[in-house]
N, C-alpha and C. Protein backbone atom coordinates (compact mmCIF):
# COMPACT_ATOMS: atom_id res chain seq x y z
N ALA A 1 0.44 -1.17 -0.31
CA ALA A 1 -0.17 0.39 -0.21
C ALA A 1 0.31 1.27 0.32
N SER A 2 0.39 2.67 -0.73
CA SER A 2 0.90 3.37 -1.07
C SER A 2 0.70 4.45 -0.40
N ASN A 3 -1.09 4.60 0.58
CA ASN A 3 -1.35 5.54 1.25
C ASN A 3 -2.03 4.51 2.17
N HIS A 4 -3.06 5.31 2.62
CA HIS A 4 -3.92 4.49 4.22
C HIS A 4 -5.19 4.25 3.17
N MET A 5 -6.12 3.42 3.00
CA MET A 5 -7.09 2.85 2.27
C MET A 5 -8.33 2.73 2.81
N THR A 6 -9.34 3.29 2.56
CA THR A 6 -11.04 2.09 3.32
C THR A 6 -11.89 2.87 2.33
N ASN A 7 -12.83 1.37 2.62
CA ASN A 7 -13.98 1.96 1.80
C ASN A 7 -15.25 3.14 2.23
N ASN A 8 -15.03 3.27 3.62
CA ASN A 8 -15.77 3.99 4.58
C ASN A 8 -16.26 5.37 4.02
N VAL A 9 -15.97 6.58 3.69
CA VAL A 9 -16.12 7.41 3.49
C VAL A 9 -16.74 8.13 5.20
N GLU A 10 -17.31 7.64 5.28
CA GLU A 10 -18.13 8.93 6.61
C GLU A 10 -17.32 8.48 7.64
N SER A 11 -16.06 7.94 7.12
CA SER A 11 -14.69 7.51 8.91
C SER A 11 -14.14 9.03 8.89
N LEU A 12 -14.86 9.65 7.51
CA LEU A 12 -13.28 10.76 7.36
C LEU A 12 -13.52 11.76 7.57
N LYS A 13 -12.59 13.07 7.27
CA LYS A 13 -12.84 14.02 7.51
C LYS A 13 -12.10 15.09 6.22
N ASN A 14 -12.49 16.20 6.63
CA ASN A 14 -12.33 17.18 5.20
C ASN A 14 -11.88 15.79 3.50
N VAL A 15 -12.94 15.88 3.54
CA VAL A 15 -13.26 14.63 2.13
C VAL A 15 -13.53 15.91 0.80
N THR A 16 -12.83 15.62 0.07
CA THR A 16 -12.74 15.37 -1.27
C THR A 16 -12.71 15.03 -1.92
N ARG A 17 -13.85 15.39 -3.24
CA ARG A 17 -13.95 14.17 -4.53
C ARG A 17 -12.10 13.55 -5.22
N TYR A 18 -12.03 12.81 -5.63
CA TYR A 18 -10.57 12.79 -6.03
C TYR A 18 -11.38 12.77 -7.57
N SER A 19 -10.19 12.57 -8.64
CA SER A 19 -10.52 13.68 -10.37
C SER A 19 -9.57 13.18 -10.77
N GLY A 20 -7.91 12.37 -9.72
CA GLY A 20 -6.89 11.28 -10.53
C GLY A 20 -6.82 10.49 -11.21
N ASN A 21 -5.36 10.47 -12.01
CA ASN A 21 -5.67 9.12 -12.87
C ASN A 21 -4.95 7.80 -11.97
N LEU A 22 -4.74 8.09 -10.65
CA LEU A 22 -4.08 6.46 -9.78
C LEU A 22 -5.94 6.11 -9.71
N GLN A 23 -5.19 4.29 -9.53
CA GLN A 23 -6.27 3.65 -9.23
C GLN A 23 -5.18 2.56 -8.61
N ILE A 24 -6.10 2.07 -7.42
CA ILE A 24 -5.32 1.32 -6.24
C ILE A 24 -5.83 -0.27 -6.74
N HIS A 25 -4.43 -1.18 -6.94
CA HIS A 25 -4.73 -2.02 -7.84
C HIS A 25 -3.82 -3.46 -6.91
N THR A 26 -4.54 -4.08 -6.81
CA THR A 26 -4.70 -5.60 -6.08
C THR A 26 -3.89 -6.35 -6.27
N THR A 27 -3.51 -7.52 -5.81
CA THR A 27 -3.06 -8.22 -5.79
C THR A 27 -2.84 -9.75 -6.83
N ASP A 28 -4.53 -9.30 -7.43
CA ASP A 28 -5.22 -10.80 -8.11
C ASP A 28 -5.29 -9.89 -9.44
N GLY A 29 -4.39 -8.46 -9.62
CA GLY A 29 -4.50 -7.75 -11.11
C GLY A 29 -5.54 -6.92 -11.02
N ASN A 30 -6.47 -7.01 -10.57
CA ASN A 30 -7.56 -5.84 -10.48
C ASN A 30 -6.78 -4.32 -10.04
N SER A 31 -7.39 -3.08 -10.89
CA SER A 31 -7.57 -2.44 -10.43
C SER A 31 -9.06 -1.40 -10.30
N LEU A 32 -8.25 -0.40 -8.74
CA LEU A 32 -9.83 0.08 -7.98
C LEU A 32 -10.27 1.75 -8.33
N PRO A 33 -10.77 1.51 -8.50
CA PRO A 33 -11.46 3.52 -8.17
C PRO A 33 -11.13 4.52 -7.67
N ILE A 34 -11.08 4.97 -7.15
CA ILE A 34 -10.07 6.25 -5.61
C ILE A 34 -11.00 7.24 -6.42
N THR A 35 -12.47 7.14 -5.14
CA THR A 35 -12.83 8.13 -5.59
C THR A 35 -12.81 9.74 -4.88
N ALA A 36 -11.80 9.60 -4.02
CA ALA A 36 -12.48 11.07 -2.91
C ALA A 36 -11.00 10.37 -1.53
N ILE A 37 -10.74 11.03 -1.10
CA ILE A 37 -8.96 11.28 -0.25
C ILE A 37 -10.01 12.42 0.85
N GLY A 38 -8.87 11.11 2.13
CA GLY A 38 -9.92 12.13 3.51
C GLY A 38 -9.08 12.00 4.36
N ASP A 39 -9.21 12.98 5.67
CA ASP A 39 -8.46 12.50 6.63
C ASP A 39 -9.20 11.34 7.31
N ILE A 40 -7.98 10.46 8.70
CA ILE A 40 -8.65 9.79 9.54
C ILE A 40 -8.83 10.73 10.64
N SER A 41 -7.26 11.00 11.06
CA SER A 41 -6.82 11.62 12.10
C SER A 41 -5.68 13.14 11.54
N SER A 42 -5.21 14.27 12.47
CA SER A 42 -3.65 14.87 11.89
C SER A 42 -2.82 13.55 11.77
N SER A 43 -2.44 12.52 12.63
CA SER A 43 -1.39 11.95 11.89
C SER A 43 -1.54 10.51 10.65
N LEU A 44 -2.98 10.87 10.25
CA LEU A 44 -4.06 9.60 9.57
C LEU A 44 -4.28 9.99 8.27
N THR A 45 -3.39 11.11 7.07
CA THR A 45 -4.01 11.73 6.70
C THR A 45 -3.77 11.18 4.77
N ASN A 46 -4.45 11.99 4.19
CA ASN A 46 -4.72 11.07 2.11
C ASN A 46 -4.60 10.57 3.02
N CYS A 47 -6.15 9.30 3.10
CA CYS A 47 -6.69 8.03 2.90
C CYS A 47 -7.59 8.50 2.05
N PHE A 48 -6.96 7.20 0.70
CA PHE A 48 -7.95 6.93 -0.13
C PHE A 48 -9.28 5.96 0.10
N VAL A 49 -10.24 6.62 -0.53
CA VAL A 49 -11.50 6.25 -0.59
C VAL A 49 -11.86 5.38 -1.87
N SER A 50 -11.70 3.68 -1.42
CA SER A 50 -12.09 3.00 -3.20
C SER A 50 -13.63 2.14 -2.12
N LEU A 51 -14.81 2.41 -2.70
CA LEU A 51 -16.22 1.81 -2.07
C LEU A 51 -15.75 0.57 -2.88
N ASP A 52 -14.78 -0.59 -3.56
CA ASP A 52 -14.98 -1.88 -3.40
C ASP A 52 -13.91 -2.18 -3.68
N LEU A 53 -12.91 -1.88 -1.76
CA LEU A 53 -11.99 -2.66 -1.03
C LEU A 53 -13.38 -2.80 0.01
N THR A 54 -12.68 -4.05 0.68
CA THR A 54 -13.04 -4.87 1.45
C THR A 54 -12.08 -4.83 2.98
N SER A 55 -11.37 -4.57 2.94
CA SER A 55 -10.63 -4.66 4.05
C SER A 55 -9.55 -3.16 4.52
N ASN A 56 -9.74 -1.85 5.97
CA ASN A 56 -9.21 -1.07 5.70
C ASN A 56 -7.61 -1.11 5.93
N LEU A 57 -6.49 -0.26 4.99
CA LEU A 57 -5.50 -0.59 5.18
C LEU A 57 -4.68 0.27 5.69
N ILE A 58 -3.26 0.30 6.05
CA ILE A 58 -2.59 1.98 6.36
C ILE A 58 -1.66 1.19 6.09
N PHE A 59 -0.95 2.36 5.99
CA PHE A 59 0.30 2.39 5.71
C PHE A 59 1.53 2.85 6.79
N VAL A 60 2.13 1.66 6.56
CA VAL A 60 3.05 2.35 7.80
C VAL A 60 4.21 3.34 7.70
N GLY A 61 4.36 3.32 5.86
CA GLY A 61 5.63 4.27 5.48
C GLY A 61 4.70 5.84 5.59
N GLN A 62 3.57 5.73 5.78
CA GLN A 62 3.13 7.41 4.96
C GLN A 62 3.00 7.61 7.34
N LEU A 63 2.88 7.02 7.74
CA LEU A 63 3.64 6.89 9.59
C LEU A 63 4.51 7.65 9.86
N VAL A 64 5.61 6.40 9.09
CA VAL A 64 6.80 7.56 9.51
C VAL A 64 7.48 8.75 8.87
N ASP A 65 6.61 9.25 8.19
CA ASP A 65 6.94 9.84 7.42
C ASP A 65 6.09 11.34 8.40
N ASN A 66 5.01 10.72 9.59
CA ASN A 66 4.29 12.02 9.90
C ASN A 66 5.06 11.58 10.92
N ASP A 67 5.86 11.31 10.89
CA ASP A 67 6.63 10.99 12.26
C ASP A 67 5.96 10.19 13.77
N CYS A 68 5.32 9.20 13.10
CA CYS A 68 4.63 8.80 13.76
C CYS A 68 5.42 7.52 14.97
N LYS A 69 5.34 7.20 15.65
CA LYS A 69 6.12 5.75 16.27
C LYS A 69 5.37 4.63 16.24
N PHE A 70 5.52 3.09 16.47
CA PHE A 70 4.82 2.27 16.39
C PHE A 70 5.39 0.79 17.10
N THR A 71 4.78 0.39 17.94
CA THR A 71 4.90 -0.96 17.74
C THR A 71 4.22 -2.62 17.78
N PHE A 72 4.50 -3.64 17.46
CA PHE A 72 3.87 -4.56 16.70
C PHE A 72 3.92 -5.32 17.60
N SER A 73 3.49 -6.09 18.52
CA SER A 73 3.16 -7.61 18.93
C SER A 73 2.41 -8.47 18.42
N LYS A 74 2.06 -9.28 18.92
CA LYS A 74 0.99 -10.75 19.12
C LYS A 74 -0.49 -10.26 19.02
N SER A 75 -0.43 -9.27 19.98
CA SER A 75 -2.17 -8.46 20.21
C SER A 75 -2.26 -7.78 19.12
N GLY A 76 -1.44 -7.40 18.73
CA GLY A 76 -1.58 -5.50 17.79
C GLY A 76 -0.95 -5.20 16.97
N CYS A 77 -0.85 -4.03 17.27
CA CYS A 77 -0.63 -2.73 16.73
C CYS A 77 -0.64 -1.08 18.01
N LEU A 78 0.36 -0.61 17.92
CA LEU A 78 0.43 0.04 18.82
C LEU A 78 0.67 1.68 18.25
N VAL A 79 -0.16 3.25 17.85
CA VAL A 79 0.72 3.46 17.26
C VAL A 79 0.11 5.14 17.91
């Protein structure tokens, strides 16, 4: 993943309609359209919205760029 992604625009703030040419490419070779971009929080920004996604995706590289720290364990992830 290169950006945070969701299929639920209702959970986002500062939502704008996406009119660019980017698409989300899945592991099975399909491409999903991006319909909007919004923010989950001040640390989780520029989240792509595609109504065809089946789960939410968080991009660790984008968190690092925002100077977030995180810890992974058996029980989950702390950001």
